[in-house]
Amino acid sequence: AGMSGGPLLNCDGEVVGVNTLVRPELRGLGNYAIASSRVDTALLAIVDARAAPAGAGVRLVLFNDRFNRRQRVESVLKDVGLSEAEAQQAMMDAHTTGRGVVRVFKPGPEMDLAGAMEAAETMCGALAKADLLVELEHISASCADE
């Protein structure tokens, strides 16, 4: 037994896997474990994805937590420039699935990649300062349409 990211143990106390949550909408009924023999492969895939260059931009992601009320999260999101509809969508996605996309920052006619990164980091910093759980995810060129 255990929580996401924790070890899955057999009756002898040996680690046989890592717990993960694949169906957050089931509230703990969709638990799954990655076999310990496959953890290295899964970990390398995660590290590679996070280390990918942000050639196509970055995605600002909000994670659900047990401390902030929905109304507060929505208010903070509006304070940093999201419309009411955008704030509600990001907040509800985070609430129901564990994560919601706040905004995608891509280079375009109005800003280059450096400008997109700076805007993303500024918004991410403001949200983190307001005690929201947020993270920037690089978007590789192969995922640019997401």
C-alpha atoms as a PDB file:
ATOM      1  CA  ALA A   1       0.000   0.000   0.000  1.00  0.00           C
ATOM      2  CA  GLY A   2       1.043   3.608  -0.254  1.00  0.00           C
ATOM      3  CA  MET A   3       0.595   6.906  -2.005  1.00  0.00           C
ATOM      4  CA  SER A   4       1.682   8.007  -5.466  1.00  0.00           C
ATOM      5  CA  GLY A   5       5.449   7.985  -5.700  1.00  0.00           C
ATOM      6  CA  GLY A   6       5.839   5.736  -2.696  1.00  0.00           C
ATOM      7  CA  PRO A   7       7.209   2.211  -2.737  1.00  0.00           C
ATOM      8  CA  LEU A   8       4.977  -0.799  -3.308  1.00  0.00           C
ATOM      9  CA  LEU A   9       6.080  -3.508  -0.891  1.00  0.00           C
ATOM     10  CA  ASN A  10       5.442  -7.231  -0.840  1.00  0.00           C
ATOM     11  CA  CYS A  11       4.696  -9.185   2.363  1.00  0.00           C
ATOM     12  CA  ASP A  12       8.438  -9.509   3.046  1.00  0.00           C
ATOM     13  CA  GLY A  13       8.957  -5.735   2.949  1.00  0.00           C
ATOM     14  CA  GLU A  14      10.765  -5.824  -0.395  1.00  0.00           C
ATOM     15  CA  VAL A  15      10.178  -3.045  -2.915  1.00  0.00           C
ATOM     16  CA  VAL A  16       8.403  -4.484  -5.946  1.00  0.00           C
ATOM     17  CA  GLY A  17       7.216  -1.259  -7.577  1.00  0.00           C
ATOM     18  CA  VAL A  18       6.380   2.426  -7.318  1.00  0.00           C
ATOM     19  CA  ASN A  19       2.781   3.500  -6.700  1.00  0.00           C
ATOM     20  CA  THR A  20       1.191   5.881  -9.155  1.00  0.00           C
ATOM     21  CA  LEU A  21      -2.281   7.232  -9.833  1.00  0.00           C
ATOM     22  CA  VAL A  22      -3.517   6.710 -13.370  1.00  0.00           C
ATOM     23  CA  ARG A  23      -7.200   7.550 -12.883  1.00  0.00           C
ATOM     24  CA  PRO A  24      -7.384  10.597 -10.564  1.00  0.00           C
ATOM     25  CA  GLU A  25     -11.111  10.989 -11.197  1.00  0.00           C
ATOM     26  CA  LEU A  26     -11.681   7.685  -9.360  1.00  0.00           C
ATOM     27  CA  ARG A  27     -10.274   9.215  -6.148  1.00  0.00           C
ATOM     28  CA  GLY A  28      -7.843   6.449  -5.293  1.00  0.00           C
ATOM     29  CA  LEU A  29      -9.687   3.558  -6.914  1.00  0.00           C
ATOM     30  CA  GLY A  30      -7.532   3.735 -10.045  1.00  0.00           C
ATOM     31  CA  ASN A  31      -4.172   3.122  -8.412  1.00  0.00           C
ATOM     32  CA  TYR A  32      -1.440   1.399 -10.344  1.00  0.00           C
ATOM     33  CA  ALA A  33       2.192   0.570  -9.767  1.00  0.00           C
ATOM     34  CA  ILE A  34       5.211   0.612 -12.031  1.00  0.00           C
ATOM     35  CA  ALA A  35       7.203  -2.593 -11.530  1.00  0.00           C
ATOM     36  CA  SER A  36      10.577  -1.983  -9.911  1.00  0.00           C
ATOM     37  CA  SER A  37      12.242  -3.575 -12.939  1.00  0.00           C
ATOM     38  CA  ARG A  38      10.762  -0.807 -15.151  1.00  0.00           C
ATOM     39  CA  VAL A  39      11.281   2.192 -12.879  1.00  0.00           C
ATOM     40  CA  ASP A  40      14.617   3.154 -14.493  1.00  0.00           C
ATOM     41  CA  THR A  41      13.013   3.308 -17.946  1.00  0.00           C
ATOM     42  CA  ALA A  42      10.045   5.334 -16.689  1.00  0.00           C
ATOM     43  CA  LEU A  43      12.273   7.717 -14.740  1.00  0.00           C
ATOM     44  CA  LEU A  44      14.563   8.349 -17.717  1.00  0.00           C
ATOM     45  CA  ALA A  45      11.529   9.100 -19.912  1.00  0.00           C
ATOM     46  CA  ILE A  46      10.273  11.648 -17.377  1.00  0.00           C
ATOM     47  CA  VAL A  47      13.692  13.290 -17.015  1.00  0.00           C
ATOM     48  CA  ASP A  48      14.161  13.445 -20.797  1.00  0.00           C
ATOM     49  CA  ALA A  49      10.746  15.067 -21.228  1.00  0.00           C
ATOM     50  CA  ARG A  50      11.503  17.718 -18.607  1.00  0.00           C
ATOM     51  CA  ALA A  51      14.960  18.388 -20.018  1.00  0.00           C
ATOM     52  CA  ALA A  52      13.694  18.835 -23.580  1.00  0.00           C
ATOM     53  CA  PRO A  53      14.445  22.264 -25.002  1.00  0.00           C
ATOM     54  CA  ALA A  54      11.470  24.580 -25.021  1.00  0.00           C
ATOM     55  CA  GLY A  55      11.674  25.068 -28.769  1.00  0.00           C
ATOM     56  CA  ALA A  56       7.932  25.442 -29.140  1.00  0.00           C
ATOM     57  CA  GLY A  57       7.280  27.193 -25.826  1.00  0.00           C
ATOM     58  CA  VAL A  58       6.183  26.287 -22.326  1.00  0.00           C
ATOM     59  CA  ARG A  59       2.992  25.202 -20.637  1.00  0.00           C
ATOM     60  CA  LEU A  60       2.124  26.610 -17.193  1.00  0.00           C
ATOM     61  CA  VAL A  61       0.403  23.868 -15.188  1.00  0.00           C
ATOM     62  CA  LEU A  62      -1.595  24.219 -11.971  1.00  0.00           C
ATOM     63  CA  PHE A  63      -1.734  21.246  -9.597  1.00  0.00           C
ATOM     64  CA  ASN A  64      -4.517  20.472  -7.171  1.00  0.00           C
ATOM     65  CA  ASP A  65      -3.762  20.797  -3.473  1.00  0.00           C
ATOM     66  CA  ARG A  66      -5.686  20.285  -0.259  1.00  0.00           C
ATOM     67  CA  PHE A  67      -5.106  23.782   1.095  1.00  0.00           C
ATOM     68  CA  ASN A  68      -6.503  26.325  -1.357  1.00  0.00           C
ATOM     69  CA  ARG A  69     -10.237  26.647  -1.859  1.00  0.00           C
ATOM     70  CA  ARG A  70     -11.549  26.755  -5.416  1.00  0.00           C
ATOM     71  CA  GLN A  71     -12.732  30.360  -5.095  1.00  0.00           C
ATOM     72  CA  ARG A  72      -9.294  31.505  -3.941  1.00  0.00           C
ATOM     73  CA  VAL A  73      -7.525  29.677  -6.777  1.00  0.00           C
ATOM     74  CA  GLU A  74      -9.892  31.208  -9.314  1.00  0.00           C
ATOM     75  CA  SER A  75      -9.365  34.677  -7.818  1.00  0.00           C
ATOM     76  CA  VAL A  76      -5.556  34.360  -7.904  1.00  0.00           C
ATOM     77  CA  LEU A  77      -5.674  33.159 -11.523  1.00  0.00           C
ATOM     78  CA  LYS A  78      -7.786  36.183 -12.488  1.00  0.00           C
ATOM     79  CA  ASP A  79      -5.367  38.467 -10.609  1.00  0.00           C
ATOM     80  CA  VAL A  80      -2.521  37.356 -12.917  1.00  0.00           C
ATOM     81  CA  GLY A  81      -4.506  38.046 -16.084  1.00  0.00           C
ATOM     82  CA  LEU A  82      -6.733  35.084 -16.882  1.00  0.00           C
ATOM     83  CA  SER A  83     -10.322  35.716 -17.883  1.00  0.00           C
ATOM     84  CA  GLU A  84     -13.022  34.347 -15.605  1.00  0.00           C
ATOM     85  CA  ALA A  85     -13.671  31.488 -18.055  1.00  0.00           C
ATOM     86  CA  GLU A  86      -9.946  30.637 -18.322  1.00  0.00           C
ATOM     87  CA  ALA A  87      -9.529  30.743 -14.540  1.00  0.00           C
ATOM     88  CA  GLN A  88     -12.561  28.505 -13.987  1.00  0.00           C
ATOM     89  CA  GLN A  89     -11.370  25.994 -16.595  1.00  0.00           C
ATOM     90  CA  ALA A  90      -7.819  25.731 -15.209  1.00  0.00           C
ATOM     91  CA  MET A  91      -9.096  25.511 -11.628  1.00  0.00           C
ATOM     92  CA  MET A  92     -11.724  22.847 -12.421  1.00  0.00           C
ATOM     93  CA  ASP A  93      -9.256  20.786 -14.475  1.00  0.00           C
ATOM     94  CA  ALA A  94      -6.812  20.860 -11.557  1.00  0.00           C
ATOM     95  CA  HIS A  95      -9.594  20.020  -9.109  1.00  0.00           C
ATOM     96  CA  THR A  96     -11.017  17.093 -11.088  1.00  0.00           C
ATOM     97  CA  THR A  97      -7.916  15.598 -12.733  1.00  0.00           C
ATOM     98  CA  GLY A  98      -5.101  16.811 -10.487  1.00  0.00           C
ATOM     99  CA  ARG A  99      -3.667  19.298 -13.000  1.00  0.00           C
ATOM    100  CA  GLY A 100      -4.914  22.064 -15.236  1.00  0.00           C
ATOM    101  CA  VAL A 101      -3.219  24.103 -17.926  1.00  0.00           C
ATOM    102  CA  VAL A 102      -3.187  27.759 -16.912  1.00  0.00           C
ATOM    103  CA  ARG A 103      -1.695  29.061 -20.153  1.00  0.00           C
ATOM    104  CA  VAL A 104       0.538  27.982 -23.010  1.00  0.00           C
ATOM    105  CA  PHE A 105       3.301  30.421 -23.914  1.00  0.00           C
ATOM    106  CA  LYS A 106       4.541  30.073 -27.506  1.00  0.00           C
ATOM    107  CA  PRO A 107       6.715  32.296 -29.625  1.00  0.00           C
ATOM    108  CA  GLY A 108       4.814  34.094 -32.348  1.00  0.00           C
ATOM    109  CA  PRO A 109       4.486  37.425 -34.145  1.00  0.00           C
ATOM    110  CA  GLU A 110       4.153  39.348 -30.878  1.00  0.00           C
ATOM    111  CA  MET A 111       7.015  37.724 -28.927  1.00  0.00           C
ATOM    112  CA  ASP A 112      10.026  35.524 -29.504  1.00  0.00           C
ATOM    113  CA  LEU A 113      10.895  32.423 -27.487  1.00  0.00           C
ATOM    114  CA  ALA A 114      12.810  34.452 -24.884  1.00  0.00           C
ATOM    115  CA  GLY A 115       9.793  36.725 -24.415  1.00  0.00           C
ATOM    116  CA  ALA A 116       7.459  33.744 -24.102  1.00  0.00           C
ATOM    117  CA  MET A 117       9.751  32.175 -21.495  1.00  0.00           C
ATOM    118  CA  GLU A 118       9.985  35.430 -19.543  1.00  0.00           C
ATOM    119  CA  ALA A 119       6.192  35.858 -19.536  1.00  0.00           C
ATOM    120  CA  ALA A 120       5.729  32.248 -18.419  1.00  0.00           C
ATOM    121  CA  GLU A 121       8.295  32.565 -15.626  1.00  0.00           C
ATOM    122  CA  THR A 122       6.737  35.830 -14.431  1.00  0.00           C
ATOM    123  CA  MET A 123       3.240  34.333 -14.244  1.00  0.00           C
ATOM    124  CA  CYS A 124       4.542  31.119 -12.671  1.00  0.00           C
ATOM    125  CA  GLY A 125       6.418  33.132 -10.040  1.00  0.00           C
ATOM    126  CA  ALA A 126       3.352  35.215  -9.193  1.00  0.00           C
ATOM    127  CA  LEU A 127       1.197  32.107  -8.794  1.00  0.00           C
ATOM    128  CA  ALA A 128       3.832  30.342  -6.683  1.00  0.00           C
ATOM    129  CA  LYS A 129       4.167  33.446  -4.498  1.00  0.00           C
ATOM    130  CA  ALA A 130       0.394  33.210  -3.937  1.00  0.00           C
ATOM    131  CA  ASP A 131       0.944  29.630  -2.682  1.00  0.00           C
ATOM    132  CA  LEU A 132      -0.464  27.817  -5.705  1.00  0.00           C
ATOM    133  CA  LEU A 133       1.293  24.644  -6.857  1.00  0.00           C
ATOM    134  CA  VAL A 134       2.480  25.419 -10.380  1.00  0.00           C
ATOM    135  CA  GLU A 135       5.152  24.226 -12.777  1.00  0.00           C
ATOM    136  CA  LEU A 136       6.438  25.085 -16.224  1.00  0.00           C
ATOM    137  CA  GLU A 137       6.617  22.230 -18.734  1.00  0.00           C
ATOM    138  CA  HIS A 138       8.671  22.590 -21.885  1.00  0.00           C
ATOM    139  CA  ILE A 139       6.842  21.936 -25.135  1.00  0.00           C
ATOM    140  CA  SER A 140       9.031  20.221 -27.693  1.00  0.00           C
ATOM    141  CA  ALA A 141       8.593  20.973 -31.384  1.00  0.00           C
ATOM    142  CA  SER A 142       6.937  17.561 -31.832  1.00  0.00           C
ATOM    143  CA  CYS A 143       4.231  18.546 -29.295  1.00  0.00           C
ATOM    144  CA  ALA A 144       3.672  22.073 -30.602  1.00  0.00           C
ATOM    145  CA  ASP A 145       0.019  21.476 -31.470  1.00  0.00           C
ATOM    146  CA  GLU A 146      -0.961  20.579 -27.884  1.00  0.00           C
END
